[in-house]
Amino acid sequence: MKHRGPFILFLLVSLSIGVLSGCSSQDKSSREIRLAHALNTQHPVHKGMVRMAELVEEYSDGSITMTVYPSQQLGSERQMLELLQLGSIGMTKVSSAAIENFVPDLRVFGLPYLFYNEEHILRVLNGEVGRDLLLAGEPYWLRGLTYFDAGKRSFYTKEAPILHPDDLNGLKIRVMESQMSMNMIREMDGSPTPISFGELYTALQQGVVDGAENNPPSYMTSRHYEVARHYSLDEHTMLPDMLVISTLLWEQLSEEEQGWVQTAADSAARFQRQVWKEAEVEALKVIEEDGVQIHYPDKAPFMEATASLYETYRESDPELYALIQRILKARVPKQEEKP
């Protein structure tokens, strides 16, 4: 784990005064769990986490409370994962692209056009593959509780729309700190540029990057549409968000307490999926009314430009390739498969 400059100082001071304990106890019969994330309070994923906090308190009859820290108050997604590994905070919400650097199997979510539609991704996330991937981080002190809907990611740019992969040639595109995301941009001859989400508005404004990629609610609530006025709905990835708990905290909980936390997470995920659908419609309405140019490019050239990524893992990473095949097979419901 690597910490840099001010953050390691912040971490050491925080640990020394006990501000960031993952699960503190006011008395023997109560616990407080601290959950941190990078999104602002208007984002539908934040609302899902607030809902979980309400449910945990309800199910536990007040013996467990959760405090939610939004907007990178406690660091970037990578930094919050590191804090989780140390047990300095209890839970976080991160993109599956951010956690792939800690849990290699989760790289699979970053493959472009891996999921055929919403039904396909739900079948995977709610099935055996999804469960396996939630628990894949346990050796790294990171236990997944559930997935939150994060929609489909598309490109937004400052000067001209992305209507074909060739349009990315030479452009600096902000990506998360994800090898899969960087590989995807390179396949389309763009220049991937990892930047923290909290720093992206300024980076777009100052021309550090030419564009970025994200889902409609994130594009709208971050107000990136104010500086990047072309939104091209190529929908290249469907990266789920993951709600993650430190195994150091999880193992402190009794079986009953674990049940309350897991049930609350599952219920919050169902609530969040409904909120997400409404937020997507509202986000596209808001940006269109503000004059953003929304484009609907043909997806076929984007799929063709990135298709070779799948085969690179056949020899280089057979385990990941096998995981890809399991996910692709889930495109067809089992009862419809031919004998």
Foldseek 3Di string as FASTA:
>chain_A
DDDDDPLVVVVVVCVVVLVQQQWDDPDPQAIEGEEEEAADCVFLVVVLVVQLQVLLCVLSVNRYGYDYHYNQPNHFPLSVVVCLLVNSGFKYKFWLQSCCVQQVLSLLQLAWPLAVDPVLVCLCCVDDNVCCVQCSNVVSQKHFQGWAFFAFKFKFFAPDACQFLQVQAAFEEEDAPGPSNQVLNVLSNHGYDHDGLSCVLVCLVVVVGGIYMGALLSCQSSVSCVRGQETEPLRTGGTIMTMITGNVVVVVDDPSSNVSSSVSSVVSRVVSVVVVVVSRVVSVVVSVVVPRHYHYHDNVNSCVSRVVVLVVCVPVPVVSNVSSVVSSVSNDPPVPDDD
